[in-house]
Amino acid sequence: MGLLSMILTAPAAPVRFVDWTARQVLDAAERELYDPSRIRQQLAELSERLDAGELSESEFDQAEDELLDQLEEAERYQQGLL
C-alpha cells in the first residue's frame, strides 16, 4: 500500500477496526453456539438432572428435543451446510 493511499484511507481505520472486531466476536459466538461437544455435555447434564429427580419426564423430553435440534444444526454448520 502506498503512502498516499495510507494517508487517504487513515480516517476509515477506526471503522475497519470496529468491523473486524465485530466479525471476530460473531465468529467466536458461532463457534461456541455450534459446538457439538458442548451440546452433548448439556444432554448428559440433562439426563443426570432427570435421574436426580430435578426434572419431570415432560420437561426432560422438551429440553432434550431442543438440544437434539441444536445438535443437528451444529452438525450441519460443521459440515458447512449453514
PDB file of N, CA and C in Angstrom:
ATOM      1  N   MET A   1       0.859  -1.158   0.000  1.00  0.00           N
ATOM      2  CA  MET A   1       0.000   0.000   0.000  1.00  0.00           C
ATOM      3  C   MET A   1       0.908   1.224   0.000  1.00  0.00           C
ATOM      4  N   GLY A   2       0.630   2.116  -0.864  1.00  0.00           N
ATOM      5  CA  GLY A   2       1.456   3.309  -0.983  1.00  0.00           C
ATOM      6  C   GLY A   2       1.184   4.315   0.115  1.00  0.00           C
ATOM      7  N   LEU A   3       2.085   5.237   0.248  1.00  0.00           N
ATOM      8  CA  LEU A   3       1.975   6.261   1.279  1.00  0.00           C
ATOM      9  C   LEU A   3       0.724   7.107   1.074  1.00  0.00           C
ATOM     10  N   LEU A   4       0.440   7.470  -0.172  1.00  0.00           N
ATOM     11  CA  LEU A   4      -0.735   8.298  -0.454  1.00  0.00           C
ATOM     12  C   LEU A   4      -2.029   7.573  -0.084  1.00  0.00           C
ATOM     13  N   SER A   5      -2.147   6.322  -0.456  1.00  0.00           N
ATOM     14  CA  SER A   5      -3.376   5.600  -0.126  1.00  0.00           C
ATOM     15  C   SER A   5      -3.479   5.367   1.382  1.00  0.00           C
ATOM     16  N   MET A   6      -2.367   5.205   2.081  1.00  0.00           N
ATOM     17  CA  MET A   6      -2.409   5.086   3.545  1.00  0.00           C
ATOM     18  C   MET A   6      -2.929   6.375   4.167  1.00  0.00           C
ATOM     19  N   ILE A   7      -2.481   7.501   3.646  1.00  0.00           N
ATOM     20  CA  ILE A   7      -2.916   8.794   4.171  1.00  0.00           C
ATOM     21  C   ILE A   7      -4.403   9.009   3.886  1.00  0.00           C
ATOM     22  N   LEU A   8      -4.824   8.665   2.683  1.00  0.00           N
ATOM     23  CA  LEU A   8      -6.218   8.898   2.302  1.00  0.00           C
ATOM     24  C   LEU A   8      -7.197   7.960   3.013  1.00  0.00           C
ATOM     25  N   THR A   9      -6.772   6.752   3.332  1.00  0.00           N
ATOM     26  CA  THR A   9      -7.679   5.798   3.985  1.00  0.00           C
ATOM     27  C   THR A   9      -7.547   5.769   5.501  1.00  0.00           C
ATOM     28  N   ALA A  10      -6.632   6.551   6.059  1.00  0.00           N
ATOM     29  CA  ALA A  10      -6.433   6.573   7.506  1.00  0.00           C
ATOM     30  C   ALA A  10      -7.697   6.933   8.286  1.00  0.00           C
ATOM     31  N   PRO A  11      -8.510   7.898   7.822  1.00  0.00           N
ATOM     32  CA  PRO A  11      -9.720   8.209   8.588  1.00  0.00           C
ATOM     33  C   PRO A  11     -10.695   7.030   8.700  1.00  0.00           C
ATOM     34  N   ALA A  12     -10.630   6.088   7.785  1.00  0.00           N
ATOM     35  CA  ALA A  12     -11.532   4.940   7.825  1.00  0.00           C
ATOM     36  C   ALA A  12     -11.001   3.817   8.713  1.00  0.00           C
ATOM     37  N   ALA A  13      -9.794   3.930   9.227  1.00  0.00           N
ATOM     38  CA  ALA A  13      -9.188   2.869  10.028  1.00  0.00           C
ATOM     39  C   ALA A  13     -10.035   2.484  11.244  1.00  0.00           C
ATOM     40  N   PRO A  14     -10.583   3.435  11.995  1.00  0.00           N
ATOM     41  CA  PRO A  14     -11.419   3.037  13.137  1.00  0.00           C
ATOM     42  C   PRO A  14     -12.646   2.227  12.707  1.00  0.00           C
ATOM     43  N   VAL A  15     -13.232   2.582  11.591  1.00  0.00           N
ATOM     44  CA  VAL A  15     -14.401   1.849  11.099  1.00  0.00           C
ATOM     45  C   VAL A  15     -14.002   0.429  10.714  1.00  0.00           C
ATOM     46  N   ARG A  16     -12.877   0.292  10.028  1.00  0.00           N
ATOM     47  CA  ARG A  16     -12.397  -1.048   9.651  1.00  0.00           C
ATOM     48  C   ARG A  16     -12.090  -1.873  10.894  1.00  0.00           C
ATOM     49  N   PHE A  17     -11.528  -1.241  11.920  1.00  0.00           N
ATOM     50  CA  PHE A  17     -11.210  -1.949  13.156  1.00  0.00           C
ATOM     51  C   PHE A  17     -12.484  -2.428  13.842  1.00  0.00           C
ATOM     52  N   VAL A  18     -13.488  -1.580  13.914  1.00  0.00           N
ATOM     53  CA  VAL A  18     -14.760  -1.969  14.534  1.00  0.00           C
ATOM     54  C   VAL A  18     -15.392  -3.104  13.740  1.00  0.00           C
ATOM     55  N   ASP A  19     -15.353  -3.030  12.429  1.00  0.00           N
ATOM     56  CA  ASP A  19     -15.900  -4.094  11.585  1.00  0.00           C
ATOM     57  C   ASP A  19     -15.153  -5.403  11.826  1.00  0.00           C
ATOM     58  N   TRP A  20     -13.835  -5.352  11.849  1.00  0.00           N
ATOM     59  CA  TRP A  20     -13.025  -6.544  12.083  1.00  0.00           C
ATOM     60  C   TRP A  20     -13.341  -7.144  13.457  1.00  0.00           C
ATOM     61  N   THR A  21     -13.429  -6.288  14.475  1.00  0.00           N
ATOM     62  CA  THR A  21     -13.722  -6.749  15.832  1.00  0.00           C
ATOM     63  C   THR A  21     -15.092  -7.407  15.895  1.00  0.00           C
ATOM     64  N   ALA A  22     -16.078  -6.792  15.272  1.00  0.00           N
ATOM     65  CA  ALA A  22     -17.434  -7.363  15.268  1.00  0.00           C
ATOM     66  C   ALA A  22     -17.441  -8.731  14.589  1.00  0.00           C
ATOM     67  N   ARG A  23     -16.703  -8.873  13.479  1.00  0.00           N
ATOM     68  CA  ARG A  23     -16.646 -10.176  12.802  1.00  0.00           C
ATOM     69  C   ARG A  23     -15.970 -11.222  13.673  1.00  0.00           C
ATOM     70  N   GLN A  24     -14.934 -10.832  14.418  1.00  0.00           N
ATOM     71  CA  GLN A  24     -14.245 -11.780  15.298  1.00  0.00           C
ATOM     72  C   GLN A  24     -15.168 -12.248  16.421  1.00  0.00           C
ATOM     73  N   VAL A  25     -15.919 -11.324  16.997  1.00  0.00           N
ATOM     74  CA  VAL A  25     -16.856 -11.664  18.070  1.00  0.00           C
ATOM     75  C   VAL A  25     -17.958 -12.584  17.532  1.00  0.00           C
ATOM     76  N   LEU A  26     -18.481 -12.266  16.369  1.00  0.00           N
ATOM     77  CA  LEU A  26     -19.526 -13.088  15.767  1.00  0.00           C
ATOM     78  C   LEU A  26     -19.013 -14.490  15.453  1.00  0.00           C
ATOM     79  N   ASP A  27     -17.816 -14.591  14.915  1.00  0.00           N
ATOM     80  CA  ASP A  27     -17.231 -15.899  14.613  1.00  0.00           C
ATOM     81  C   ASP A  27     -17.054 -16.730  15.885  1.00  0.00           C
ATOM     82  N   ALA A  28     -16.582 -16.103  16.946  1.00  0.00           N
ATOM     83  CA  ALA A  28     -16.396 -16.817  18.207  1.00  0.00           C
ATOM     84  C   ALA A  28     -17.730 -17.284  18.776  1.00  0.00           C
ATOM     85  N   ALA A  29     -18.736 -16.433  18.695  1.00  0.00           N
ATOM     86  CA  ALA A  29     -20.065 -16.805  19.191  1.00  0.00           C
ATOM     87  C   ALA A  29     -20.642 -17.965  18.385  1.00  0.00           C
ATOM     88  N   GLU A  30     -20.471 -17.947  17.077  1.00  0.00           N
ATOM     89  CA  GLU A  30     -20.961 -19.043  16.249  1.00  0.00           C
ATOM     90  C   GLU A  30     -20.234 -20.342  16.562  1.00  0.00           C
ATOM     91  N   ARG A  31     -18.926 -20.270  16.752  1.00  0.00           N
ATOM     92  CA  ARG A  31     -18.177 -21.483  17.086  1.00  0.00           C
ATOM     93  C   ARG A  31     -18.675 -22.089  18.389  1.00  0.00           C
ATOM     94  N   GLU A  32     -18.970 -21.228  19.377  1.00  0.00           N
ATOM     95  CA  GLU A  32     -19.467 -21.736  20.655  1.00  0.00           C
ATOM     96  C   GLU A  32     -20.889 -22.265  20.512  1.00  0.00           C
ATOM     97  N   LEU A  33     -21.714 -21.536  19.795  1.00  0.00           N
ATOM     98  CA  LEU A  33     -23.110 -21.940  19.618  1.00  0.00           C
ATOM     99  C   LEU A  33     -23.206 -23.264  18.884  1.00  0.00           C
ATOM    100  N   TYR A  34     -22.370 -23.457  17.880  1.00  0.00           N
ATOM    101  CA  TYR A  34     -22.427 -24.651  17.052  1.00  0.00           C
ATOM    102  C   TYR A  34     -21.362 -25.675  17.445  1.00  0.00           C
ATOM    103  N   ASP A  35     -21.062 -25.775  18.731  1.00  0.00           N
ATOM    104  CA  ASP A  35     -20.073 -26.735  19.221  1.00  0.00           C
ATOM    105  C   ASP A  35     -20.789 -28.013  19.649  1.00  0.00           C
ATOM    106  N   PRO A  36     -20.695 -29.087  18.851  1.00  0.00           N
ATOM    107  CA  PRO A  36     -21.401 -30.327  19.185  1.00  0.00           C
ATOM    108  C   PRO A  36     -21.003 -30.902  20.549  1.00  0.00           C
ATOM    109  N   SER A  37     -19.751 -30.762  20.948  1.00  0.00           N
ATOM    110  CA  SER A  37     -19.337 -31.317  22.239  1.00  0.00           C
ATOM    111  C   SER A  37     -20.018 -30.588  23.394  1.00  0.00           C
ATOM    112  N   ARG A  38     -20.226 -29.288  23.254  1.00  0.00           N
ATOM    113  CA  ARG A  38     -20.936 -28.532  24.299  1.00  0.00           C
ATOM    114  C   ARG A  38     -22.374 -29.004  24.410  1.00  0.00           C
ATOM    115  N   ILE A  39     -23.004 -29.246  23.274  1.00  0.00           N
ATOM    116  CA  ILE A  39     -24.406 -29.677  23.279  1.00  0.00           C
ATOM    117  C   ILE A  39     -24.518 -31.086  23.853  1.00  0.00           C
ATOM    118  N   ARG A  40     -23.573 -31.968  23.501  1.00  0.00           N
ATOM    119  CA  ARG A  40     -23.588 -33.322  24.067  1.00  0.00           C
ATOM    120  C   ARG A  40     -23.409 -33.280  25.589  1.00  0.00           C
ATOM    121  N   GLN A  41     -22.579 -32.360  26.061  1.00  0.00           N
ATOM    122  CA  GLN A  41     -22.397 -32.201  27.507  1.00  0.00           C
ATOM    123  C   GLN A  41     -23.700 -31.746  28.161  1.00  0.00           C
ATOM    124  N   GLN A  42     -24.403 -30.848  27.513  1.00  0.00           N
ATOM    125  CA  GLN A  42     -25.689 -30.389  28.037  1.00  0.00           C
ATOM    126  C   GLN A  42     -26.701 -31.531  28.067  1.00  0.00           C
ATOM    127  N   LEU A  43     -26.667 -32.402  27.051  1.00  0.00           N
ATOM    128  CA  LEU A  43     -27.554 -33.573  27.046  1.00  0.00           C
ATOM    129  C   LEU A  43     -27.238 -34.497  28.220  1.00  0.00           C
ATOM    130  N   ALA A  44     -25.958 -34.706  28.492  1.00  0.00           N
ATOM    131  CA  ALA A  44     -25.558 -35.554  29.617  1.00  0.00           C
ATOM    132  C   ALA A  44     -26.022 -34.952  30.942  1.00  0.00           C
ATOM    133  N   GLU A  45     -25.846 -33.642  31.083  1.00  0.00           N
ATOM    134  CA  GLU A  45     -26.284 -32.966  32.307  1.00  0.00           C
ATOM    135  C   GLU A  45     -27.794 -33.046  32.462  1.00  0.00           C
ATOM    136  N   LEU A  46     -28.497 -32.949  31.353  1.00  0.00           N
ATOM    137  CA  LEU A  46     -29.956 -33.039  31.375  1.00  0.00           C
ATOM    138  C   LEU A  46     -30.384 -34.424  31.861  1.00  0.00           C
ATOM    139  N   SER A  47     -29.715 -35.445  31.366  1.00  0.00           N
ATOM    140  CA  SER A  47     -30.015 -36.812  31.783  1.00  0.00           C
ATOM    141  C   SER A  47     -29.738 -37.000  33.273  1.00  0.00           C
ATOM    142  N   GLU A  48     -28.653 -36.423  33.754  1.00  0.00           N
ATOM    143  CA  GLU A  48     -28.331 -36.508  35.180  1.00  0.00           C
ATOM    144  C   GLU A  48     -29.409 -35.825  36.025  1.00  0.00           C
ATOM    145  N   ARG A  49     -29.905 -34.702  35.535  1.00  0.00           N
ATOM    146  CA  ARG A  49     -30.967 -33.990  36.274  1.00  0.00           C
ATOM    147  C   ARG A  49     -32.243 -34.806  36.312  1.00  0.00           C
ATOM    148  N   LEU A  50     -32.538 -35.525  35.226  1.00  0.00           N
ATOM    149  CA  LEU A  50     -33.715 -36.402  35.215  1.00  0.00           C
ATOM    150  C   LEU A  50     -33.523 -37.525  36.225  1.00  0.00           C
ATOM    151  N   ASP A  51     -32.347 -38.145  36.224  1.00  0.00           N
ATOM    152  CA  ASP A  51     -32.062 -39.234  37.157  1.00  0.00           C
ATOM    153  C   ASP A  51     -32.121 -38.768  38.607  1.00  0.00           C
ATOM    154  N   ALA A  52     -31.733 -37.521  38.846  1.00  0.00           N
ATOM    155  CA  ALA A  52     -31.743 -36.973  40.206  1.00  0.00           C
ATOM    156  C   ALA A  52     -33.138 -36.512  40.634  1.00  0.00           C
ATOM    157  N   GLY A  53     -34.085 -36.563  39.714  1.00  0.00           N
ATOM    158  CA  GLY A  53     -35.457 -36.162  40.044  1.00  0.00           C
ATOM    159  C   GLY A  53     -35.687 -34.665  39.981  1.00  0.00           C
ATOM    160  N   GLU A  54     -34.749 -33.924  39.388  1.00  0.00           N
ATOM    161  CA  GLU A  54     -34.897 -32.478  39.294  1.00  0.00           C
ATOM    162  C   GLU A  54     -35.832 -32.069  38.163  1.00  0.00           C
ATOM    163  N   LEU A  55     -36.068 -32.985  37.223  1.00  0.00           N
ATOM    164  CA  LEU A  55     -36.925 -32.701  36.071  1.00  0.00           C
ATOM    165  C   LEU A  55     -37.987 -33.777  35.941  1.00  0.00           C
ATOM    166  N   SER A  56     -39.146 -33.375  35.454  1.00  0.00           N
ATOM    167  CA  SER A  56     -40.173 -34.361  35.125  1.00  0.00           C
ATOM    168  C   SER A  56     -39.864 -34.931  33.740  1.00  0.00           C
ATOM    169  N   GLU A  57     -40.536 -36.006  33.394  1.00  0.00           N
ATOM    170  CA  GLU A  57     -40.338 -36.612  32.065  1.00  0.00           C
ATOM    171  C   GLU A  57     -40.673 -35.622  30.952  1.00  0.00           C
ATOM    172  N   SER A  58     -41.759 -34.877  31.133  1.00  0.00           N
ATOM    173  CA  SER A  58     -42.167 -33.939  30.073  1.00  0.00           C
ATOM    174  C   SER A  58     -41.163 -32.797  29.935  1.00  0.00           C
ATOM    175  N   GLU A  59     -40.642 -32.290  31.057  1.00  0.00           N
ATOM    176  CA  GLU A  59     -39.619 -31.246  30.993  1.00  0.00           C
ATOM    177  C   GLU A  59     -38.358 -31.776  30.311  1.00  0.00           C
ATOM    178  N   PHE A  60     -37.988 -33.004  30.669  1.00  0.00           N
ATOM    179  CA  PHE A  60     -36.818 -33.621  30.057  1.00  0.00           C
ATOM    180  C   PHE A  60     -37.009 -33.786  28.555  1.00  0.00           C
ATOM    181  N   ASP A  61     -38.184 -34.308  28.165  1.00  0.00           N
ATOM    182  CA  ASP A  61     -38.447 -34.527  26.738  1.00  0.00           C
ATOM    183  C   ASP A  61     -38.383 -33.231  25.943  1.00  0.00           C
ATOM    184  N   GLN A  62     -38.968 -32.178  26.488  1.00  0.00           N
ATOM    185  CA  GLN A  62     -38.957 -30.892  25.798  1.00  0.00           C
ATOM    186  C   GLN A  62     -37.533 -30.352  25.663  1.00  0.00           C
ATOM    187  N   ALA A  63     -36.777 -30.366  26.752  1.00  0.00           N
ATOM    188  CA  ALA A  63     -35.407 -29.854  26.719  1.00  0.00           C
ATOM    189  C   ALA A  63     -34.524 -30.729  25.823  1.00  0.00           C
ATOM    190  N   GLU A  64     -34.739 -32.034  25.868  1.00  0.00           N
ATOM    191  CA  GLU A  64     -33.951 -32.939  25.036  1.00  0.00           C
ATOM    192  C   GLU A  64     -34.215 -32.681  23.552  1.00  0.00           C
ATOM    193  N   ASP A  65     -35.490 -32.484  23.199  1.00  0.00           N
ATOM    194  CA  ASP A  65     -35.826 -32.187  21.796  1.00  0.00           C
ATOM    195  C   ASP A  65     -35.125 -30.923  21.316  1.00  0.00           C
ATOM    196  N   GLU A  66     -35.117 -29.892  22.157  1.00  0.00           N
ATOM    197  CA  GLU A  66     -34.454 -28.644  21.784  1.00  0.00           C
ATOM    198  C   GLU A  66     -32.956 -28.849  21.595  1.00  0.00           C
ATOM    199  N   LEU A  67     -32.340 -29.599  22.503  1.00  0.00           N
ATOM    200  CA  LEU A  67     -30.901 -29.838  22.396  1.00  0.00           C
ATOM    201  C   LEU A  67     -30.562 -30.711  21.187  1.00  0.00           C
ATOM    202  N   LEU A  68     -31.409 -31.684  20.893  1.00  0.00           N
ATOM    203  CA  LEU A  68     -31.166 -32.522  19.720  1.00  0.00           C
ATOM    204  C   LEU A  68     -31.296 -31.715  18.432  1.00  0.00           C
ATOM    205  N   ASP A  69     -32.246 -30.779  18.411  1.00  0.00           N
ATOM    206  CA  ASP A  69     -32.365 -29.883  17.252  1.00  0.00           C
ATOM    207  C   ASP A  69     -31.100 -29.026  17.115  1.00  0.00           C
ATOM    208  N   GLN A  70     -30.605 -28.519  18.253  1.00  0.00           N
ATOM    209  CA  GLN A  70     -29.378 -27.719  18.224  1.00  0.00           C
ATOM    210  C   GLN A  70     -28.190 -28.556  17.751  1.00  0.00           C
ATOM    211  N   LEU A  71     -28.141 -29.814  18.191  1.00  0.00           N
ATOM    212  CA  LEU A  71     -27.051 -30.703  17.794  1.00  0.00           C
ATOM    213  C   LEU A  71     -27.086 -30.960  16.290  1.00  0.00           C
ATOM    214  N   GLU A  72     -28.272 -31.185  15.769  1.00  0.00           N
ATOM    215  CA  GLU A  72     -28.414 -31.396  14.322  1.00  0.00           C
ATOM    216  C   GLU A  72     -27.969 -30.160  13.547  1.00  0.00           C
ATOM    217  N   GLU A  73     -28.372 -28.997  14.032  1.00  0.00           N
ATOM    218  CA  GLU A  73     -27.974 -27.746  13.388  1.00  0.00           C
ATOM    219  C   GLU A  73     -26.464 -27.536  13.485  1.00  0.00           C
ATOM    220  N   ALA A  74     -25.889 -27.867  14.629  1.00  0.00           N
ATOM    221  CA  ALA A  74     -24.437 -27.721  14.815  1.00  0.00           C
ATOM    222  C   ALA A  74     -23.677 -28.641  13.866  1.00  0.00           C
ATOM    223  N   GLU A  75     -24.174 -29.848  13.678  1.00  0.00           N
ATOM    224  CA  GLU A  75     -23.502 -30.769  12.768  1.00  0.00           C
ATOM    225  C   GLU A  75     -23.591 -30.276  11.325  1.00  0.00           C
ATOM    226  N   ARG A  76     -24.726 -29.685  10.946  1.00  0.00           N
ATOM    227  CA  ARG A  76     -24.837 -29.099   9.607  1.00  0.00           C
ATOM    228  C   ARG A  76     -23.874 -27.919   9.468  1.00  0.00           C
ATOM    229  N   TYR A  77     -23.748 -27.114  10.515  1.00  0.00           N
ATOM    230  CA  TYR A  77     -22.819 -25.986  10.496  1.00  0.00           C
ATOM    231  C   TYR A  77     -21.385 -26.476  10.331  1.00  0.00           C
ATOM    232  N   GLN A  78     -21.028 -27.532  11.069  1.00  0.00           N
ATOM    233  CA  GLN A  78     -19.671 -28.075  10.982  1.00  0.00           C
ATOM    234  C   GLN A  78     -19.374 -28.603   9.577  1.00  0.00           C
ATOM    235  N   GLN A  79     -20.403 -29.088   8.890  1.00  0.00           N
ATOM    236  CA  GLN A  79     -20.234 -29.613   7.536  1.00  0.00           C
ATOM    237  C   GLN A  79     -20.272 -28.503   6.488  1.00  0.00           C
ATOM    238  N   GLY A  80     -20.519 -27.286   6.954  1.00  0.00           N
ATOM    239  CA  GLY A  80     -20.550 -26.139   6.034  1.00  0.00           C
ATOM    240  C   GLY A  80     -21.864 -25.988   5.299  1.00  0.00           C
ATOM    241  N   LEU A  81     -22.922 -26.592   5.833  1.00  0.00           N
ATOM    242  CA  LEU A  81     -24.215 -26.525   5.155  1.00  0.00           C
ATOM    243  C   LEU A  81     -25.048 -25.336   5.613  1.00  0.00           C
ATOM    244  N   LEU A  82     -24.599 -24.614   6.633  1.00  0.00           N
ATOM    245  CA  LEU A  82     -25.340 -23.430   7.088  1.00  0.00           C
ATOM    246  C   LEU A  82     -24.630 -22.170   6.650  1.00  0.00           C
TER     247      LEU A  82
END
